[in-house]
Amino acid sequence: MAFTLLAFLAGTWVHRHQWWPRLKADWVIRWTAVWILYVIGLAIIMAQVYPEIAERHYEYAWKLSRFFLIGLVAWWVAMAFRNAITGYFLMLAGFVLGALLFHHAQGWPWGLAGARVDLWEGRQFYTLFSASVLAVTLILTRDIWGPRHDRWFWFRGAMWATTVLVAANGLLVSQSRGGLLGLAVGLVLASAALGYRQLRVDAARSHSSRSQWLVMTIAVAFLAFILWLGWQANSDRIGHDVAVIAETIESGDIQRSSMGVRLGQWMHGMELFRERPWFGWGPGAGEQLQELAALPERYQAGGIHFHSAPLDLLLWTGIVGLVIATLLFASLALGLWRLFLRGGPEARLALAALTVMAMAFIASITQTYLTSQVSWYYLAAFLGPAHALLLKRSATGSGMAAARREGSGAGG
């Protein structure tokens, strides 16, 4: 990871005349730099306050700084490939290869058989990754298949079908409720975004969009079927979660269960947050906070986190840190939303990234993905190529502006 960062910095220096002005003007890069400086400064200060866990603060300052991977992949894709979708092609190919290896190691589990298998670094990670791949593959159907007259049309279609089936099976065999809920919410938001954009389209273009609506309808029907299968496999666990939440609201007593552990941790975590709301307890202070919380045995679980990425960010970096992280993703989402409204192939890439952002946020409410390096690669792989579109577009805009200035100068 460190060598990757050094290579990124060296590359931007070598191409500083071409890329440095664009990266410096990009708000995602700006907020990433602010975030990194903030967590490093916070870690240094908290290491002085709690020298006994200084090493932990420095370790997590590095871990939390890995938001830079999104910008790194964006720069790499924008610089190395003519089309940003190539970044997604590479990611999907890597997913299929890895998934086949994981399935082979587990004896080829089949999602319809109802078995729940632990793949990759855990069910939560694998469900979210599979759900994200499934959503992206369906949204980019038209781009993956390519034009009908292309000689690779049927080969690309076979690869598309393989990716969809492998991702759907991975989603069903891992059966994490957070990933399934994220997929459901992402599906609703993507459909709402398409409907909103359709209302803005001229009547003259409405006929040409019928084929797109047909593809979208098929995709929605397929995703609804997968979600129904996921619901069937998890209905008992989801029903128990609802019962635990309802009893907690009514009586205040929290049962020992997967959801009960989370509710207990969140309740004690919020008490710790109120003690230091603005700057938190320092990056990676989870183990110290677990001791301070003095969680009852029935609320304890493995790990040094509180089963919620937003809550962990609040505890580690405070309100200030959470606001910076929110502005980082909000700036990326705003740029992609504007790109989506323009329509065309780039709009589909933007919609895919926006959908994954929504899925990741929903899944992160009940699970901390910040403690695993897999999460940083996940964010970079799904958001980096879309961010590359914004870097490319800013480059095009800069080039056009320069051309206009030269033309006006020559005319003068």
Protein backbone atom coordinates (compact mmCIF):
# COMPACT_ATOMS: atom_id res chain seq x y z
CA MET A 1 0.00 0.00 0.00
CA ALA A 2 2.81 2.39 0.85
CA PHE A 3 4.62 1.62 -2.40
CA THR A 4 1.37 2.24 -4.27
CA LEU A 5 1.06 5.66 -2.64
CA LEU A 6 4.68 6.50 -3.49
CA ALA A 7 4.15 5.40 -7.09
CA PHE A 8 1.05 7.62 -7.27
CA LEU A 9 2.93 10.64 -5.94
CA ALA A 10 5.88 9.96 -8.24
CA GLY A 11 3.59 9.62 -11.22
CA THR A 12 1.79 12.87 -10.52
CA TRP A 13 5.17 14.58 -10.16
CA VAL A 14 6.44 13.22 -13.49
CA HIS A 15 3.20 14.35 -15.18
CA ARG A 16 2.75 17.40 -12.97
CA HIS A 17 2.21 19.85 -15.84
CA GLN A 18 -0.61 17.71 -17.23
CA TRP A 19 -2.24 16.32 -14.10
CA TRP A 20 -1.34 18.38 -11.05
CA PRO A 21 -3.65 21.33 -11.92
CA ARG A 22 -6.56 18.93 -12.50
CA LEU A 23 -6.02 16.92 -9.34
CA LYS A 24 -5.54 20.07 -7.30
CA ALA A 25 -8.83 21.50 -8.59
CA ASP A 26 -10.84 18.33 -7.98
CA TRP A 27 -12.96 18.53 -4.81
CA VAL A 28 -12.75 14.81 -4.09
CA ILE A 29 -8.95 15.03 -4.06
CA ARG A 30 -9.10 18.20 -1.96
CA TRP A 31 -11.30 16.62 0.72
CA THR A 32 -9.18 13.47 0.66
CA ALA A 33 -6.11 15.58 1.41
CA VAL A 34 -7.97 17.40 4.21
CA TRP A 35 -9.09 14.07 5.66
CA ILE A 36 -5.57 12.61 5.62
CA LEU A 37 -4.07 15.67 7.27
CA TYR A 38 -6.84 15.66 9.88
CA VAL A 39 -6.48 12.01 10.93
CA ILE A 40 -2.66 12.28 11.02
CA GLY A 41 -2.82 15.42 13.16
CA LEU A 42 -5.46 13.87 15.42
CA ALA A 43 -3.38 10.70 15.83
CA ILE A 44 -0.30 12.73 16.83
CA ILE A 45 -2.27 14.72 19.41
CA MET A 46 -4.04 11.67 20.89
CA ALA A 47 -0.75 9.77 21.01
CA GLN A 48 0.51 12.48 23.38
CA VAL A 49 -2.62 12.21 25.50
CA TYR A 50 -2.58 8.39 25.59
CA PRO A 51 1.04 7.35 24.99
CA GLU A 52 0.26 3.76 26.03
CA ILE A 53 -1.75 3.26 22.81
CA ALA A 54 0.20 5.66 20.57
CA GLU A 55 1.14 2.84 18.20
CA ARG A 56 -2.54 2.04 17.74
CA HIS A 57 -3.35 5.65 16.85
CA TYR A 58 -0.59 5.77 14.24
CA GLU A 59 -1.64 2.41 12.79
CA TYR A 60 -5.20 3.56 12.27
CA ALA A 61 -4.17 6.97 10.99
CA TRP A 62 -2.57 5.05 8.14
CA LYS A 63 -5.58 2.76 7.71
CA LEU A 64 -8.07 5.63 7.65
CA SER A 65 -5.89 7.54 5.20
CA ARG A 66 -6.57 4.90 2.56
CA PHE A 67 -9.38 6.94 1.06
CA PHE A 68 -6.57 8.10 -1.23
CA LEU A 69 -6.97 4.79 -3.13
CA ILE A 70 -10.12 6.16 -4.79
CA GLY A 71 -8.24 9.09 -6.27
CA LEU A 72 -5.25 6.89 -7.11
CA VAL A 73 -7.37 4.47 -9.17
CA ALA A 74 -9.21 7.39 -10.77
CA TRP A 75 -5.94 8.98 -11.88
CA TRP A 76 -4.57 5.67 -13.12
CA VAL A 77 -7.70 4.82 -15.13
CA ALA A 78 -7.97 8.34 -16.56
CA MET A 79 -4.33 8.29 -17.59
CA ALA A 80 -3.95 4.69 -18.81
CA PHE A 81 -7.24 3.94 -20.60
CA ARG A 82 -9.18 5.64 -23.32
CA ASN A 83 -12.49 4.61 -21.72
CA ALA A 84 -13.08 4.57 -17.97
CA ILE A 85 -15.25 1.45 -18.27
CA THR A 86 -12.04 -0.53 -18.79
CA GLY A 87 -11.47 -0.16 -15.05
CA TYR A 88 -14.78 -1.90 -14.40
CA PHE A 89 -13.99 -4.64 -16.91
CA LEU A 90 -10.77 -5.40 -15.02
CA MET A 91 -12.59 -5.38 -11.69
CA LEU A 92 -15.36 -7.70 -12.93
CA ALA A 93 -12.82 -10.11 -14.44
CA GLY A 94 -10.94 -10.17 -11.12
CA PHE A 95 -14.18 -10.82 -9.24
CA VAL A 96 -15.14 -13.78 -11.43
CA LEU A 97 -11.68 -15.33 -11.14
CA GLY A 98 -11.58 -14.87 -7.36
CA ALA A 99 -15.18 -16.08 -6.92
CA LEU A 100 -14.49 -19.27 -8.86
CA LEU A 101 -11.47 -19.97 -6.65
CA PHE A 102 -13.51 -19.33 -3.49
CA HIS A 103 -16.36 -21.54 -4.71
CA HIS A 104 -13.94 -24.30 -5.66
CA ALA A 105 -12.38 -24.21 -2.19
CA GLN A 106 -15.86 -24.62 -0.64
CA GLY A 107 -16.96 -27.47 -2.90
CA TRP A 108 -19.06 -25.33 -5.28
CA PRO A 109 -21.92 -24.27 -2.97
CA TRP A 110 -25.23 -23.53 -4.70
CA GLY A 111 -27.31 -20.58 -3.55
CA LEU A 112 -30.68 -22.24 -4.22
CA ALA A 113 -29.74 -25.08 -1.86
CA GLY A 114 -30.09 -22.71 1.08
CA ALA A 115 -26.58 -23.32 2.45
CA ARG A 116 -24.83 -20.40 4.17
CA VAL A 117 -21.12 -20.45 3.40
CA ASP A 118 -18.32 -18.26 4.73
CA LEU A 119 -16.31 -17.03 1.73
CA TRP A 120 -13.45 -14.56 1.30
CA GLU A 121 -12.86 -12.47 4.48
CA GLY A 122 -16.33 -13.05 5.83
CA ARG A 123 -19.98 -13.20 4.84
CA GLN A 124 -20.55 -9.46 5.26
CA PHE A 125 -17.75 -8.57 2.85
CA TYR A 126 -18.64 -11.21 0.30
CA THR A 127 -22.34 -10.36 0.25
CA LEU A 128 -21.67 -6.65 -0.24
CA PHE A 129 -19.05 -7.31 -2.93
CA SER A 130 -21.31 -9.77 -4.78
CA ALA A 131 -24.30 -7.45 -4.54
CA SER A 132 -22.24 -4.52 -5.88
CA VAL A 133 -20.89 -6.58 -8.78
CA LEU A 134 -24.41 -7.74 -9.60
CA ALA A 135 -25.80 -4.20 -9.60
CA VAL A 136 -22.92 -2.80 -11.69
CA THR A 137 -23.08 -5.64 -14.21
CA LEU A 138 -26.81 -5.17 -14.77
CA ILE A 139 -26.58 -1.38 -15.02
CA LEU A 140 -23.73 -1.68 -17.55
CA THR A 141 -25.41 -4.43 -19.58
CA ARG A 142 -25.45 -2.40 -22.77
CA ASP A 143 -21.79 -1.42 -22.40
CA ILE A 144 -20.56 -4.92 -21.59
CA TRP A 145 -22.35 -6.59 -24.51
CA GLY A 146 -21.30 -3.86 -26.92
CA PRO A 147 -22.81 -3.27 -30.39
CA ARG A 148 -24.61 -6.17 -32.05
CA HIS A 149 -22.36 -6.08 -35.11
CA ASP A 150 -19.20 -6.48 -33.03
CA ARG A 151 -17.54 -9.87 -33.61
CA TRP A 152 -17.03 -10.28 -29.86
CA PHE A 153 -20.71 -9.60 -29.13
CA TRP A 154 -21.66 -13.14 -28.07
CA PHE A 155 -18.41 -13.73 -26.21
CA ARG A 156 -18.93 -10.53 -24.22
CA GLY A 157 -22.52 -11.62 -23.61
CA ALA A 158 -21.32 -14.96 -22.25
CA MET A 159 -18.93 -13.17 -19.91
CA TRP A 160 -21.77 -10.89 -18.79
CA ALA A 161 -24.00 -13.89 -18.05
CA THR A 162 -21.20 -15.65 -16.15
CA THR A 163 -20.56 -12.57 -14.01
CA VAL A 164 -24.27 -12.16 -13.22
CA LEU A 165 -24.72 -15.82 -12.25
CA VAL A 166 -21.53 -15.98 -10.15
CA ALA A 167 -22.41 -12.73 -8.35
CA ALA A 168 -26.00 -13.81 -7.72
CA ASN A 169 -24.85 -17.18 -6.37
CA GLY A 170 -22.23 -15.53 -4.16
CA LEU A 171 -24.89 -13.19 -2.80
CA LEU A 172 -27.20 -16.09 -1.93
CA VAL A 173 -24.63 -18.39 -0.34
CA SER A 174 -23.14 -15.69 1.91
CA GLN A 175 -26.55 -14.34 3.03
CA SER A 176 -25.55 -11.21 4.92
CA ARG A 177 -28.58 -9.08 5.69
CA GLY A 178 -26.72 -5.76 5.36
CA GLY A 179 -25.65 -6.49 1.79
CA LEU A 180 -29.14 -7.64 0.83
CA LEU A 181 -30.70 -4.51 2.33
CA GLY A 182 -28.10 -2.37 0.57
CA LEU A 183 -28.95 -3.98 -2.76
CA ALA A 184 -32.67 -3.36 -2.20
CA VAL A 185 -32.13 0.29 -1.33
CA GLY A 186 -29.67 0.76 -4.19
CA LEU A 187 -32.19 -0.74 -6.61
CA VAL A 188 -34.91 1.65 -5.45
CA LEU A 189 -32.64 4.69 -5.66
CA ALA A 190 -31.31 3.72 -9.12
CA SER A 191 -34.86 3.28 -10.41
CA ALA A 192 -35.90 6.62 -8.91
CA ALA A 193 -32.88 8.33 -10.51
CA LEU A 194 -33.74 6.88 -13.93
CA GLY A 195 -37.34 7.95 -13.54
CA TYR A 196 -36.32 11.47 -12.55
CA ARG A 197 -34.00 11.80 -15.52
CA GLN A 198 -36.68 10.47 -17.86
CA LEU A 199 -38.98 13.29 -16.80
CA ARG A 200 -36.32 15.74 -17.95
CA VAL A 201 -35.95 14.15 -21.41
CA ASP A 202 -37.64 15.82 -24.40
CA ALA A 203 -40.61 14.06 -25.95
CA ALA A 204 -38.61 13.60 -29.14
CA ARG A 205 -36.17 11.38 -27.29
CA SER A 206 -38.73 9.35 -25.41
CA HIS A 207 -39.18 6.83 -28.23
CA SER A 208 -35.46 6.11 -28.45
CA SER A 209 -35.34 5.34 -24.75
CA ARG A 210 -37.90 2.51 -24.89
CA SER A 211 -35.20 -0.12 -25.37
CA GLN A 212 -33.38 1.22 -22.32
CA TRP A 213 -36.57 0.96 -20.27
CA LEU A 214 -37.02 -2.64 -21.47
CA VAL A 215 -33.50 -3.55 -20.35
CA MET A 216 -34.06 -1.79 -17.04
CA THR A 217 -37.35 -3.64 -16.48
CA ILE A 218 -35.67 -6.99 -17.07
CA ALA A 219 -32.82 -6.04 -14.73
CA VAL A 220 -35.24 -4.92 -12.02
CA ALA A 221 -37.26 -8.13 -12.35
CA PHE A 222 -34.11 -10.23 -12.02
CA LEU A 223 -32.85 -8.28 -9.01
CA ALA A 224 -36.28 -8.50 -7.38
CA PHE A 225 -36.17 -12.28 -7.81
CA ILE A 226 -32.69 -12.48 -6.25
CA LEU A 227 -33.81 -10.28 -3.35
CA TRP A 228 -36.85 -12.49 -2.84
CA LEU A 229 -34.60 -15.56 -2.65
CA GLY A 230 -32.36 -13.72 -0.20
CA TRP A 231 -35.38 -12.77 1.89
CA GLN A 232 -36.57 -16.36 1.96
CA ALA A 233 -33.15 -17.54 3.18
CA ASN A 234 -32.97 -14.82 5.86
CA SER A 235 -36.62 -14.36 6.82
CA ASP A 236 -36.27 -16.10 10.19
CA ARG A 237 -33.16 -14.09 11.14
CA ILE A 238 -34.72 -10.82 9.93
CA GLY A 239 -37.92 -11.57 11.82
CA HIS A 240 -35.92 -12.21 14.99
CA ASP A 241 -34.05 -8.93 14.50
CA VAL A 242 -37.35 -7.06 14.22
CA ALA A 243 -38.64 -8.75 17.37
CA VAL A 244 -35.47 -7.82 19.30
CA ILE A 245 -35.74 -4.18 18.19
CA ALA A 246 -39.46 -4.05 19.07
CA GLU A 247 -38.86 -5.51 22.53
CA THR A 248 -36.01 -3.07 23.14
CA ILE A 249 -38.28 -0.14 22.27
CA GLU A 250 -41.11 -1.43 24.48
CA SER A 251 -39.26 -2.67 27.56
CA GLY A 252 -35.69 -1.40 27.23
CA ASP A 253 -34.39 -4.95 27.66
CA ILE A 254 -31.99 -6.12 24.94
CA GLN A 255 -31.85 -9.82 24.12
CA ARG A 256 -28.61 -11.64 23.36
CA SER A 257 -28.61 -11.97 19.56
CA SER A 258 -26.79 -10.64 16.54
CA MET A 259 -28.94 -7.51 16.56
CA GLY A 260 -28.97 -7.38 20.36
CA VAL A 261 -25.17 -7.17 20.43
CA ARG A 262 -25.31 -4.27 18.01
CA LEU A 263 -28.00 -2.43 19.94
CA GLY A 264 -26.03 -2.82 23.16
CA GLN A 265 -22.81 -1.61 21.57
CA TRP A 266 -24.54 1.36 19.93
CA MET A 267 -26.16 2.40 23.21
CA HIS A 268 -22.84 2.36 25.08
CA GLY A 269 -20.98 3.83 22.11
CA MET A 270 -23.26 6.87 22.01
CA GLU A 271 -22.58 7.50 25.68
CA LEU A 272 -18.84 7.58 24.93
CA PHE A 273 -19.44 9.83 21.93
CA ARG A 274 -21.22 12.40 24.11
CA GLU A 275 -18.11 12.64 26.26
CA ARG A 276 -15.98 13.77 23.29
CA PRO A 277 -18.30 14.76 20.46
CA TRP A 278 -16.13 17.06 18.34
CA PHE A 279 -12.80 15.28 17.87
CA GLY A 280 -13.45 11.83 19.31
CA TRP A 281 -11.02 9.52 21.07
CA GLY A 282 -8.45 9.17 18.28
CA PRO A 283 -8.07 6.82 15.28
CA GLY A 284 -8.24 3.16 16.25
CA ALA A 285 -9.27 3.74 19.86
CA GLY A 286 -11.72 0.84 19.63
CA GLU A 287 -10.00 -1.44 22.15
CA GLN A 288 -9.74 1.39 24.68
CA LEU A 289 -13.38 2.30 24.11
CA GLN A 290 -14.50 -1.30 24.54
CA GLU A 291 -12.84 -1.28 27.98
CA LEU A 292 -14.31 2.12 28.91
CA ALA A 293 -17.77 1.03 27.79
CA ALA A 294 -17.63 -1.95 30.19
CA LEU A 295 -20.06 -3.82 27.99
CA PRO A 296 -22.10 -6.52 29.70
CA GLU A 297 -21.12 -10.01 28.57
CA ARG A 298 -24.25 -10.46 26.47
CA TYR A 299 -23.38 -7.37 24.41
CA GLN A 300 -19.79 -8.39 23.76
CA ALA A 301 -18.61 -9.67 20.38
CA GLY A 302 -15.34 -10.19 18.57
CA GLY A 303 -13.49 -7.21 17.18
CA ILE A 304 -12.53 -3.79 18.49
CA HIS A 305 -15.31 -1.84 16.83
CA PHE A 306 -18.96 -0.99 17.48
CA HIS A 307 -20.55 -2.65 14.43
CA SER A 308 -21.30 0.63 12.67
CA ALA A 309 -18.95 2.59 10.42
CA PRO A 310 -20.63 5.99 11.08
CA LEU A 311 -20.51 5.40 14.85
CA ASP A 312 -16.88 4.28 14.72
CA LEU A 313 -15.95 7.37 12.73
CA LEU A 314 -17.70 9.52 15.32
CA LEU A 315 -15.90 7.76 18.17
CA TRP A 316 -12.50 7.85 16.46
CA THR A 317 -12.57 11.24 14.70
CA GLY A 318 -15.58 13.07 16.14
CA ILE A 319 -18.15 15.22 14.39
CA VAL A 320 -15.38 17.09 12.56
CA GLY A 321 -14.01 13.87 11.06
CA LEU A 322 -17.43 12.57 10.04
CA VAL A 323 -18.25 15.90 8.34
CA ILE A 324 -14.99 15.79 6.34
CA ALA A 325 -15.62 12.19 5.24
CA THR A 326 -19.20 13.10 4.31
CA LEU A 327 -18.04 16.07 2.23
CA LEU A 328 -15.53 13.81 0.46
CA PHE A 329 -18.23 11.40 -0.72
CA ALA A 330 -20.80 14.15 -1.26
CA SER A 331 -18.47 15.95 -3.67
CA LEU A 332 -17.99 12.72 -5.63
CA ALA A 333 -21.72 11.99 -5.61
CA LEU A 334 -22.57 15.51 -6.81
CA GLY A 335 -20.15 15.26 -9.73
CA LEU A 336 -21.48 11.84 -10.72
CA TRP A 337 -25.08 13.01 -10.42
CA ARG A 338 -24.46 15.88 -12.81
CA LEU A 339 -22.80 13.44 -15.19
CA PHE A 340 -25.73 11.05 -14.90
CA LEU A 341 -28.25 13.73 -15.83
CA ARG A 342 -26.47 14.31 -19.16
CA GLY A 343 -27.24 10.78 -20.36
CA GLY A 344 -25.18 8.50 -22.57
CA PRO A 345 -22.64 5.77 -21.72
CA GLU A 346 -20.93 7.92 -19.09
CA ALA A 347 -24.26 8.33 -17.33
CA ARG A 348 -24.53 4.57 -16.88
CA LEU A 349 -21.08 4.46 -15.30
CA ALA A 350 -22.06 7.31 -12.99
CA LEU A 351 -25.30 5.56 -12.02
CA ALA A 352 -23.41 2.33 -11.28
CA ALA A 353 -21.03 4.15 -8.93
CA LEU A 354 -23.85 6.07 -7.23
CA THR A 355 -25.75 2.83 -6.67
CA VAL A 356 -22.70 1.19 -5.08
CA MET A 357 -22.17 4.22 -2.84
CA ALA A 358 -25.73 3.88 -1.57
CA MET A 359 -25.31 0.14 -1.03
CA ALA A 360 -22.04 0.56 0.85
CA PHE A 361 -23.54 3.25 3.10
CA ILE A 362 -26.59 1.13 4.00
CA ALA A 363 -24.48 -1.95 4.70
CA SER A 364 -22.05 0.11 6.82
CA ILE A 365 -24.76 1.20 9.24
CA THR A 366 -24.74 -2.21 10.93
CA GLN A 367 -21.17 -3.30 10.15
CA THR A 368 -17.73 -1.71 10.36
CA TYR A 369 -15.83 -2.21 7.11
CA LEU A 370 -13.15 0.34 8.07
CA THR A 371 -11.14 -2.23 10.03
CA SER A 372 -10.34 -4.39 6.99
CA GLN A 373 -8.09 -3.38 4.11
CA VAL A 374 -10.47 -5.24 1.77
CA SER A 375 -12.91 -2.36 2.17
CA TRP A 376 -10.46 0.17 0.82
CA TYR A 377 -9.83 -1.90 -2.30
CA TYR A 378 -13.59 -2.31 -2.66
CA LEU A 379 -14.21 1.46 -2.57
CA ALA A 380 -11.34 2.13 -4.95
CA ALA A 381 -12.43 -0.53 -7.45
CA PHE A 382 -16.06 0.62 -7.63
CA LEU A 383 -15.66 4.39 -7.26
CA GLY A 384 -12.26 5.00 -8.85
CA PRO A 385 -13.22 4.42 -12.52
CA ALA A 386 -16.28 6.64 -12.13
CA HIS A 387 -14.16 9.34 -10.51
CA ALA A 388 -11.85 9.02 -13.53
CA LEU A 389 -14.74 10.24 -15.69
CA LEU A 390 -14.79 13.48 -13.73
CA LEU A 391 -11.03 13.90 -14.06
CA LYS A 392 -11.23 13.26 -17.80
CA ARG A 393 -14.11 15.68 -18.19
CA SER A 394 -12.25 18.39 -16.28
CA ALA A 395 -9.26 17.77 -18.55
CA THR A 396 -11.46 18.16 -21.62
CA GLY A 397 -12.98 21.32 -20.20
CA SER A 398 -9.53 22.74 -19.45
CA GLY A 399 -8.35 21.90 -22.96
CA MET A 400 -11.37 23.56 -24.56
CA ALA A 401 -10.95 26.64 -22.40
CA ALA A 402 -7.27 26.87 -23.36
CA ALA A 403 -8.15 26.49 -27.04
CA ARG A 404 -10.71 29.29 -26.75
CA ARG A 405 -8.16 31.56 -25.10
CA GLU A 406 -5.60 30.82 -27.82
CA GLY A 407 -8.20 31.45 -30.50
CA SER A 408 -9.27 34.74 -29.00
CA GLY A 409 -5.61 35.73 -28.65
CA ALA A 410 -4.90 34.89 -32.29
CA GLY A 411 -8.00 36.78 -33.37
CA GLY A 412 -6.86 39.81 -31.44
